[in-house]
Amino acid sequence: MTVTIFVADLAEFSPLVKAASAVPDITVVPPRHGYWRIQAPQQLALHRKTLGLRVALWNSALSGGIRGHLKEYTNDSIILENER
């Protein structure tokens, strides 16, 4: 199963979408029904400082929903894995 973060298609979230599209092994799918999809085949790992994202954006990054098991969510990392 593909792990996914659903990101609202709003200007405020464009830095997250842009940054995620530059991460190897991550696919960013254009908006459908108002949400971008940030996806990876097995595990999706994002790191706030590496991506250069502000704290407020980071803290609301998962507000659109996820598909997968949230293994880690800290001030600097989000790791999603396939559900067990």
C-alpha atoms as a PDB file:
ATOM      1  CA  MET A   1       0.000   0.000   0.000  1.00  0.00           C
ATOM      2  CA  THR A   2       1.185   3.496  -0.807  1.00  0.00           C
ATOM      3  CA  VAL A   3       1.519   5.841   2.160  1.00  0.00           C
ATOM      4  CA  THR A   4       0.028   9.279   1.589  1.00  0.00           C
ATOM      5  CA  ILE A   5      -0.248  12.730   3.118  1.00  0.00           C
ATOM      6  CA  PHE A   6      -3.213  14.684   1.763  1.00  0.00           C
ATOM      7  CA  VAL A   7      -2.418  18.402   1.526  1.00  0.00           C
ATOM      8  CA  ALA A   8      -5.105  21.014   0.928  1.00  0.00           C
ATOM      9  CA  ASP A   9      -4.716  22.850  -2.370  1.00  0.00           C
ATOM     10  CA  LEU A  10      -4.227  26.235  -0.713  1.00  0.00           C
ATOM     11  CA  ALA A  11      -1.474  28.780  -1.257  1.00  0.00           C
ATOM     12  CA  GLU A  12      -0.408  28.449   2.376  1.00  0.00           C
ATOM     13  CA  PHE A  13       0.622  24.829   1.780  1.00  0.00           C
ATOM     14  CA  SER A  14       2.527  25.387  -1.484  1.00  0.00           C
ATOM     15  CA  PRO A  15       5.951  25.453   0.279  1.00  0.00           C
ATOM     16  CA  LEU A  16       5.248  21.970   1.674  1.00  0.00           C
ATOM     17  CA  VAL A  17       4.202  20.611  -1.727  1.00  0.00           C
ATOM     18  CA  LYS A  18       7.204  22.205  -3.452  1.00  0.00           C
ATOM     19  CA  ALA A  19       9.669  20.938  -0.847  1.00  0.00           C
ATOM     20  CA  ALA A  20       8.248  17.401  -0.864  1.00  0.00           C
ATOM     21  CA  SER A  21       8.494  17.208  -4.661  1.00  0.00           C
ATOM     22  CA  ALA A  22      12.277  17.543  -4.374  1.00  0.00           C
ATOM     23  CA  VAL A  23      12.662  14.572  -1.992  1.00  0.00           C
ATOM     24  CA  PRO A  24      13.879  11.327  -3.632  1.00  0.00           C
ATOM     25  CA  ASP A  25      11.420   8.397  -3.575  1.00  0.00           C
ATOM     26  CA  ILE A  26       8.463  10.720  -2.971  1.00  0.00           C
ATOM     27  CA  THR A  27       5.816  11.424  -5.590  1.00  0.00           C
ATOM     28  CA  VAL A  28       3.617  14.501  -5.499  1.00  0.00           C
ATOM     29  CA  VAL A  29       0.302  13.974  -7.282  1.00  0.00           C
ATOM     30  CA  PRO A  30      -1.509  17.112  -8.560  1.00  0.00           C
ATOM     31  CA  PRO A  31      -4.678  18.215  -6.775  1.00  0.00           C
ATOM     32  CA  ARG A  32      -7.834  16.173  -7.057  1.00  0.00           C
ATOM     33  CA  HIS A  33     -10.942  17.072  -5.102  1.00  0.00           C
ATOM     34  CA  GLY A  34      -8.992  19.917  -3.497  1.00  0.00           C
ATOM     35  CA  TYR A  35      -6.005  17.928  -2.178  1.00  0.00           C
ATOM     36  CA  TRP A  36      -2.453  17.287  -3.320  1.00  0.00           C
ATOM     37  CA  ARG A  37      -1.117  13.819  -2.484  1.00  0.00           C
ATOM     38  CA  ILE A  38       2.416  13.346  -1.213  1.00  0.00           C
ATOM     39  CA  GLN A  39       3.136   9.629  -1.610  1.00  0.00           C
ATOM     40  CA  ALA A  40       5.793   6.981  -1.184  1.00  0.00           C
ATOM     41  CA  PRO A  41       5.621   3.231  -1.794  1.00  0.00           C
ATOM     42  CA  GLN A  42       6.633   1.926   1.668  1.00  0.00           C
ATOM     43  CA  GLN A  43       7.775   4.745   3.920  1.00  0.00           C
ATOM     44  CA  LEU A  44       7.432   8.505   3.691  1.00  0.00           C
ATOM     45  CA  ALA A  45       9.925  10.540   5.719  1.00  0.00           C
ATOM     46  CA  LEU A  46       9.997  14.339   5.772  1.00  0.00           C
ATOM     47  CA  HIS A  47      12.261  16.549   7.875  1.00  0.00           C
ATOM     48  CA  ARG A  48      11.178  20.125   8.537  1.00  0.00           C
ATOM     49  CA  LYS A  49      14.599  21.757   8.846  1.00  0.00           C
ATOM     50  CA  THR A  50      15.937  20.011   5.742  1.00  0.00           C
ATOM     51  CA  LEU A  51      12.881  21.142   3.777  1.00  0.00           C
ATOM     52  CA  GLY A  52      13.184  24.684   5.141  1.00  0.00           C
ATOM     53  CA  LEU A  53       9.586  24.818   6.396  1.00  0.00           C
ATOM     54  CA  ARG A  54       8.307  27.122   9.105  1.00  0.00           C
ATOM     55  CA  VAL A  55       6.914  25.649  12.327  1.00  0.00           C
ATOM     56  CA  ALA A  56       3.296  26.789  11.757  1.00  0.00           C
ATOM     57  CA  LEU A  57       3.163  25.107   8.341  1.00  0.00           C
ATOM     58  CA  TRP A  58       4.796  21.978   9.731  1.00  0.00           C
ATOM     59  CA  ASN A  59       2.326  21.717  12.597  1.00  0.00           C
ATOM     60  CA  SER A  60      -0.612  21.772  10.169  1.00  0.00           C
ATOM     61  CA  ALA A  61       0.983  19.501   7.543  1.00  0.00           C
ATOM     62  CA  LEU A  62      -1.225  16.523   8.403  1.00  0.00           C
ATOM     63  CA  SER A  63      -4.506  18.461   8.645  1.00  0.00           C
ATOM     64  CA  GLY A  64      -5.716  17.053   5.306  1.00  0.00           C
ATOM     65  CA  GLY A  65      -5.372  13.470   6.507  1.00  0.00           C
ATOM     66  CA  ILE A  66      -3.033  10.531   5.982  1.00  0.00           C
ATOM     67  CA  ARG A  67      -3.096   6.998   4.680  1.00  0.00           C
ATOM     68  CA  GLY A  68      -0.696   4.753   6.578  1.00  0.00           C
ATOM     69  CA  HIS A  69       0.698   4.299  10.066  1.00  0.00           C
ATOM     70  CA  LEU A  70       2.129   7.433  11.695  1.00  0.00           C
ATOM     71  CA  LYS A  71       5.392   6.125  13.126  1.00  0.00           C
ATOM     72  CA  GLU A  72       6.852   9.469  14.156  1.00  0.00           C
ATOM     73  CA  TYR A  73       5.641  13.067  14.343  1.00  0.00           C
ATOM     74  CA  THR A  74       7.993  15.509  16.053  1.00  0.00           C
ATOM     75  CA  ASN A  75       8.993  19.151  15.678  1.00  0.00           C
ATOM     76  CA  ASP A  76      11.335  18.085  12.885  1.00  0.00           C
ATOM     77  CA  SER A  77      10.180  14.787  11.399  1.00  0.00           C
ATOM     78  CA  ILE A  78       7.167  13.017  10.003  1.00  0.00           C
ATOM     79  CA  ILE A  79       7.511   9.327   9.225  1.00  0.00           C
ATOM     80  CA  LEU A  80       4.630   7.334   7.775  1.00  0.00           C
ATOM     81  CA  GLU A  81       4.807   3.617   7.068  1.00  0.00           C
ATOM     82  CA  ASN A  82       2.529   1.031   5.549  1.00  0.00           C
ATOM     83  CA  GLU A  83      -0.197  -0.040   7.917  1.00  0.00           C
ATOM     84  CA  ARG A  84       0.553  -3.283   9.670  1.00  0.00           C
END
